[in-house]
Protein backbone atom coordinates (compact mmCIF):
# COMPACT_ATOMS: atom_id res chain seq x y z
CA UNK A 1 -34.76 147.03 124.82
CA UNK A 2 -37.79 145.16 126.20
CA UNK A 3 -35.57 142.95 128.30
CA UNK A 4 -33.75 145.96 129.66
CA UNK A 5 -37.02 147.52 130.79
CA UNK A 6 -38.08 144.25 132.33
CA UNK A 7 -34.93 144.00 134.43
CA UNK A 8 -35.15 147.67 135.36
CA UNK A 9 -38.69 147.22 136.64
CA UNK A 10 -37.87 144.15 138.74
CA UNK A 11 -36.16 145.95 141.65
CA UNK A 12 -39.08 148.41 141.76
CA UNK A 13 -41.56 145.53 142.02
CA UNK A 14 -39.51 143.95 144.76
CA UNK A 15 -39.34 147.26 146.59
CA UNK A 16 -43.12 147.70 146.36
CA UNK A 17 -43.69 144.11 147.52
CA UNK A 18 -41.26 144.60 150.40
CA UNK A 19 -42.89 147.87 151.44
CA UNK A 20 -46.33 146.21 151.43
CA UNK A 21 -45.01 143.46 153.70
CA UNK A 22 -43.53 146.05 156.07
CA UNK A 23 -46.84 147.97 156.18
CA UNK A 24 -48.71 144.71 156.80
CA UNK A 25 -46.29 143.73 159.55
CA UNK A 26 -46.62 147.14 161.19
CA UNK A 27 -50.42 146.91 160.99
CA UNK A 28 -50.41 143.44 162.60
CA UNK A 29 -48.05 144.73 165.31
CA UNK A 30 -50.35 147.67 165.99
CA UNK A 31 -53.33 145.32 166.24
CA UNK A 32 -51.41 143.11 168.65
CA UNK A 33 -50.46 146.08 170.82
CA UNK A 34 -54.08 147.28 170.83
CA UNK A 35 -55.21 143.80 171.90
CA UNK A 36 -52.59 143.70 174.64
CA UNK A 37 -53.58 147.10 175.98
CA UNK A 38 -57.24 146.10 175.97
CA UNK A 39 -56.62 142.75 177.69
CA UNK A 40 -54.82 144.54 180.53
CA UNK A 41 -58.08 146.36 181.31
CA UNK A 42 -59.66 143.06 182.43
CA UNK A 43 -58.08 143.46 185.82
CA UNK A 44 -60.29 141.69 188.38
CA UNK A 45 -59.69 137.93 187.93
CA UNK A 46 -59.84 137.03 191.62
CA UNK A 47 -63.17 138.72 192.29
CA UNK A 48 -64.63 137.46 189.02
CA UNK A 49 -63.73 133.81 189.63
CA UNK A 50 -64.68 133.95 193.31
CA UNK A 51 -68.19 135.19 192.52
CA UNK A 52 -68.45 132.86 189.50
CA UNK A 53 -67.82 129.94 191.85
CA UNK A 54 -69.67 130.96 195.01
CA UNK A 55 -73.03 131.71 193.39
CA UNK A 56 -73.24 128.63 191.08
CA UNK A 57 -72.05 126.33 193.86
CA UNK A 58 -74.70 127.62 196.26
CA UNK A 59 -77.39 127.11 193.62
CA UNK A 60 -76.17 123.69 192.48
CA UNK A 61 -75.61 122.18 195.91
CA UNK A 62 -79.15 123.26 196.80
CA UNK A 63 -80.40 121.72 193.54
CA UNK A 64 -78.52 118.51 194.36
CA UNK A 65 -80.12 118.32 197.79
CA UNK A 66 -83.62 118.95 196.41
CA UNK A 67 -83.19 116.41 193.60
CA UNK A 68 -82.86 113.53 196.10
CA UNK A 69 -86.00 114.33 198.12
CA UNK A 70 -88.70 111.68 197.83
CA UNK A 71 -91.38 111.86 196.60
CA UNK A 72 -89.99 114.08 193.85
CA UNK A 73 -92.91 116.39 193.13
CA UNK A 74 -93.48 118.84 190.29
CA UNK A 75 -92.70 121.67 192.71
CA UNK A 76 -89.31 120.12 193.49
CA UNK A 77 -88.65 119.64 189.78
CA UNK A 78 -89.26 123.35 189.21
CA UNK A 79 -87.04 124.24 192.17
CA UNK A 80 -84.18 122.06 190.89
CA UNK A 81 -84.53 123.50 187.39
CA UNK A 82 -84.55 127.12 188.60
CA UNK A 83 -81.55 126.57 190.88
CA UNK A 84 -79.64 124.84 188.08
CA UNK A 85 -80.24 127.52 185.47
CA UNK A 86 -79.54 130.32 187.96
CA UNK A 87 -76.13 128.80 188.70
CA UNK A 88 -75.44 128.55 184.97
CA UNK A 89 -76.47 132.16 184.35
CA UNK A 90 -74.44 133.59 187.22
CA UNK A 91 -70.91 133.79 185.65
CA UNK A 92 -72.26 135.45 182.48
CA UNK A 93 -74.21 137.92 184.61
CA UNK A 94 -71.11 138.70 186.67
CA UNK A 95 -69.02 139.25 183.53
CA UNK A 96 -71.62 141.63 182.11
CA UNK A 97 -71.80 143.45 185.45
CA UNK A 98 -68.04 144.03 185.29
CA UNK A 99 -67.99 145.07 181.62
CA UNK A 100 -71.13 146.97 180.68
CA UNK A 101 -70.65 150.02 182.95
CA UNK A 102 -67.18 150.54 181.42
CA UNK A 103 -67.42 152.14 177.96
CA UNK A 104 -64.15 150.62 176.69
CA UNK A 105 -64.90 147.11 177.94
CA UNK A 106 -68.47 147.29 176.66
CA UNK A 107 -67.31 148.30 173.18
CA UNK A 108 -64.62 145.60 173.20
CA UNK A 109 -67.11 142.94 174.29
CA UNK A 110 -69.75 143.80 171.68
CA UNK A 111 -67.14 144.00 168.94
CA UNK A 112 -65.85 140.45 169.51
CA UNK A 113 -68.85 138.50 168.23
CA UNK A 114 -68.81 139.29 164.52
CA UNK A 115 -65.19 140.34 163.89
CA UNK A 116 -64.75 137.79 161.07
CA UNK A 117 -63.05 139.98 158.46
CA UNK A 118 -59.42 139.00 159.02
CA UNK A 119 -59.96 135.42 160.24
CA UNK A 120 -58.39 132.70 158.09
CA UNK A 121 -60.60 129.89 156.78
CA UNK A 122 -58.66 127.15 158.56
CA UNK A 123 -59.78 128.47 161.95
CA UNK A 124 -63.42 128.10 160.92
CA UNK A 125 -62.76 124.53 159.80
CA UNK A 126 -61.01 123.67 163.07
CA UNK A 127 -63.79 125.29 165.10
CA UNK A 128 -66.58 123.39 163.37
CA UNK A 129 -64.99 120.00 162.73
CA UNK A 130 -62.11 119.24 165.11
CA UNK A 131 -64.32 117.70 167.81
CA UNK A 132 -66.26 115.62 165.26
CA UNK A 133 -63.04 114.30 163.71
CA UNK A 134 -61.50 113.57 167.11
CA UNK A 135 -64.44 111.53 168.42
CA UNK A 136 -64.78 109.56 165.16
CA UNK A 137 -61.04 108.87 165.10
CA UNK A 138 -61.13 107.84 168.78
CA UNK A 139 -63.98 105.42 168.10
CA UNK A 140 -62.06 103.98 165.15
CA UNK A 141 -59.00 103.40 167.37
CA UNK A 142 -61.18 101.74 170.01
CA UNK A 143 -62.15 99.06 167.48
CA UNK A 144 -58.59 97.69 167.69
CA UNK A 145 -59.18 97.13 171.43
CA UNK A 146 -62.36 95.16 170.89
CA UNK A 147 -64.98 97.87 171.31
CA UNK A 148 -68.08 97.74 169.13
CA UNK A 149 -68.53 99.44 165.75
CA UNK A 150 -72.06 100.30 166.89
CA UNK A 151 -70.49 103.39 168.44
CA UNK A 152 -70.75 105.03 165.02
CA UNK A 153 -74.55 104.82 165.06
CA UNK A 154 -76.63 107.73 166.26
CA UNK A 155 -77.80 107.30 169.82
CA UNK A 156 -81.37 108.50 169.27
CA UNK A 157 -81.69 109.67 172.88
CA UNK A 158 -79.69 111.59 175.46
CA UNK A 159 -77.43 110.12 178.13
CA UNK A 160 -78.79 112.35 180.90
CA UNK A 161 -81.87 114.23 182.07
CA UNK A 162 -82.11 117.90 182.93
CA UNK A 163 -85.10 118.28 185.21
CA UNK A 164 -87.27 121.17 184.05
CA UNK A 165 -85.50 121.96 180.74
CA UNK A 166 -85.14 119.82 177.59
CA UNK A 167 -81.67 118.32 177.21
CA UNK A 168 -81.22 119.87 173.75
CA UNK A 169 -81.84 123.29 175.31
CA UNK A 170 -79.03 122.78 177.84
CA UNK A 171 -76.68 121.47 175.14
CA UNK A 172 -77.06 124.86 173.45
CA UNK A 173 -77.59 127.16 176.44
CA UNK A 174 -74.66 125.93 178.55
CA UNK A 175 -71.94 126.65 175.92
CA UNK A 176 -73.47 130.05 175.10
CA UNK A 177 -73.76 131.19 178.71
CA UNK A 178 -70.41 129.76 179.79
CA UNK A 179 -68.43 131.25 176.91
CA UNK A 180 -70.07 134.64 177.39
CA UNK A 181 -68.52 134.47 180.86
CA UNK A 182 -65.21 132.72 180.23
CA UNK A 183 -64.29 134.41 176.96
CA UNK A 184 -65.75 137.82 177.57
CA UNK A 185 -63.98 138.45 180.87
CA UNK A 186 -62.53 135.35 182.54
CA UNK A 187 -59.79 134.27 180.11
CA UNK A 188 -58.58 137.79 179.38
CA UNK A 189 -58.44 138.59 183.10
CA UNK A 190 -56.09 135.62 183.61
CA UNK A 191 -53.98 136.45 180.57
CA UNK A 192 -53.58 139.98 181.93
CA UNK A 193 -51.65 138.36 184.83
CA UNK A 194 -50.11 135.18 183.41
CA UNK A 195 -48.89 133.64 180.16
CA UNK A 196 -51.51 132.01 177.94
CA UNK A 197 -50.21 128.51 178.80
CA UNK A 198 -50.34 129.13 182.54
CA UNK A 199 -53.71 130.87 182.26
CA UNK A 200 -55.13 127.91 180.31
CA UNK A 201 -53.86 125.35 182.83
CA UNK A 202 -55.20 127.39 185.75
CA UNK A 203 -58.57 127.73 184.08
CA UNK A 204 -58.73 124.04 183.08
CA UNK A 205 -58.27 123.03 186.73
CA UNK A 206 -60.74 125.69 187.87
CA UNK A 207 -63.34 124.67 185.29
CA UNK A 208 -63.15 121.01 186.30
CA UNK A 209 -63.67 121.95 189.96
CA UNK A 210 -66.40 124.43 188.99
CA UNK A 211 -68.51 121.56 187.59
CA UNK A 212 -68.20 119.48 190.78
CA UNK A 213 -71.57 120.36 192.42
CA UNK A 214 -73.40 119.24 189.27
CA UNK A 215 -72.44 115.67 190.18
CA UNK A 216 -74.81 115.93 193.18
CA UNK A 217 -77.89 116.62 191.00
CA UNK A 218 -79.73 113.38 190.34
CA UNK A 219 -79.91 112.39 186.67
CA UNK A 220 -77.57 115.11 185.45
CA UNK A 221 -74.64 114.29 183.14
CA UNK A 222 -71.97 114.74 185.82
CA UNK A 223 -73.91 112.61 188.30
CA UNK A 224 -74.17 109.80 185.76
CA UNK A 225 -70.47 110.21 184.97
CA UNK A 226 -69.49 109.62 188.60
CA UNK A 227 -71.64 106.47 188.70
CA UNK A 228 -69.99 105.12 185.52
CA UNK A 229 -66.59 104.74 187.19
CA UNK A 230 -63.59 106.69 188.48
CA UNK A 231 -61.58 106.44 185.25
CA UNK A 232 -64.30 108.26 183.31
CA UNK A 233 -64.62 110.93 186.00
CA UNK A 234 -60.85 111.39 185.92
CA UNK A 235 -60.97 111.59 182.13
CA UNK A 236 -63.47 114.45 182.36
CA UNK A 237 -61.02 116.38 184.54
CA UNK A 238 -58.01 115.66 182.31
CA UNK A 239 -59.98 116.41 179.13
CA UNK A 240 -60.37 120.00 180.31
CA UNK A 241 -56.66 120.61 179.70
CA UNK A 242 -56.54 120.05 175.90
CA UNK A 243 -60.05 121.42 175.44
CA UNK A 244 -59.15 124.74 177.10
CA UNK A 245 -55.75 124.95 175.37
CA UNK A 246 -57.26 124.40 171.91
CA UNK A 247 -60.21 126.71 172.53
CA UNK A 248 -57.95 129.49 173.82
CA UNK A 249 -55.69 129.00 170.80
CA UNK A 250 -58.70 129.48 168.53
CA UNK A 251 -59.81 132.48 170.60
CA UNK A 252 -56.55 134.42 170.31
CA UNK A 253 -55.85 133.32 166.73
CA UNK A 254 -59.22 134.80 165.67
CA UNK A 255 -58.78 138.21 167.32
CA UNK A 256 -60.60 137.08 170.49
CA UNK A 257 -63.78 136.10 168.66
CA UNK A 258 -66.32 134.98 171.26
CA UNK A 259 -68.79 133.44 168.81
CA UNK A 260 -66.25 130.89 167.56
CA UNK A 261 -65.52 129.72 171.12
CA UNK A 262 -69.26 129.23 171.59
CA UNK A 263 -69.46 127.17 168.38
CA UNK A 264 -66.42 125.10 169.38
CA UNK A 265 -67.96 124.41 172.80
CA UNK A 266 -71.29 123.41 171.23
CA UNK A 267 -69.59 120.99 168.83
CA UNK A 268 -67.77 119.39 171.77
CA UNK A 269 -70.92 118.61 173.74
CA UNK A 270 -73.04 117.84 170.67
CA UNK A 271 -70.74 115.39 168.88
CA UNK A 272 -69.88 113.62 172.14
CA UNK A 273 -73.58 113.13 172.79
CA UNK A 274 -75.15 112.12 169.47
CA UNK A 275 -73.12 108.95 168.87
CA UNK A 276 -73.41 105.73 170.86
CA UNK A 277 -69.84 106.32 172.00
CA UNK A 278 -68.31 103.97 174.56
CA UNK A 279 -66.87 105.95 177.51
CA UNK A 280 -63.43 104.49 176.81
CA UNK A 281 -63.47 106.12 173.37
CA UNK A 282 -63.75 109.47 175.15
CA UNK A 283 -60.60 108.56 177.07
CA UNK A 284 -58.88 107.91 173.74
CA UNK A 285 -60.25 111.20 172.43
CA UNK A 286 -58.63 113.02 175.36
CA UNK A 287 -55.28 111.47 174.39
CA UNK A 288 -55.71 112.62 170.79
CA UNK A 289 -56.61 116.16 171.84
CA UNK A 290 -53.63 116.28 174.22
CA UNK A 291 -51.42 115.50 171.21
CA UNK A 292 -53.08 118.27 169.20
CA UNK A 293 -52.68 120.80 172.02
CA UNK A 294 -49.01 119.82 172.50
CA UNK A 295 -48.42 120.41 168.78
CA UNK A 296 -50.09 123.84 169.00
CA UNK A 297 -47.96 124.85 172.00
CA UNK A 298 -44.78 123.89 170.12
CA UNK A 299 -45.98 125.56 166.91
CA UNK A 300 -47.02 128.81 168.63
CA UNK A 301 -44.75 128.74 171.67
CA UNK A 302 -44.31 132.51 171.66
CA UNK A 303 -48.05 133.01 171.96
CA UNK A 304 -48.39 130.44 174.74
CA UNK A 305 -45.26 131.17 176.76
CA UNK A 306 -44.76 134.93 176.57
CA UNK A 307 -46.57 137.39 178.81
CA UNK A 308 -48.53 140.16 177.15
């Protein structure tokens, strides 16, 4: 009798389980459709990226010119610092200008910082530790090519100067301000027109070019990078491709969470700065991250290749 009841209850349990899965699937589909409809409202990519280039470039080229004037006085240092930070602030300011007057975009923007409820733990782990693991693994590989194990020691100082502002401040401020621009308006405005893969490649190229005027500012990271050799400058450009692909993957896998893209960006600049890493290890790191991004594209090809 007990066994009979057990077998009679089994189909009911399966039916309940199946119905729960269907409800869950429908809920996820509804969320996806809501996200798609919202992304389509970010409809001014050309104007956004034009202004986000023109204003920073004007500020940074002026800063570059002023940084080479001799004698370099305190007044010039202030001028270079103000021009530099103004250029950095501009894209975020433009994004807010586009979003805040619109009630829907404003609500969407403010709701994407702390929407952690449905995010899986693995995305937090990837966000916080992928860049650390990649640079340590790259340094380990470099040992087989004769590079020093001293790379694993902490540098104790920074590889560049930043005029008026402390370097640690820029290492935090730049990711925050850039991601408020790129992942509040910029990325979604591209995805509203193109597939995620195409949008990421377009943005990676744009972002590399966007940094170009910083190489004219004396003592800045990008200026020092140019002086270190063409292969390392080229690596910076190429490294944008996997970095953007992985960051955009995290962004859309976590319901467009802006805070996680900020954290991921901070870990990238922080972990690549604190170790005494040889520049060639960063080239190796780019290769590793390209492999990771290729795996993600294959794994989630529908997300990367299909239009919204």
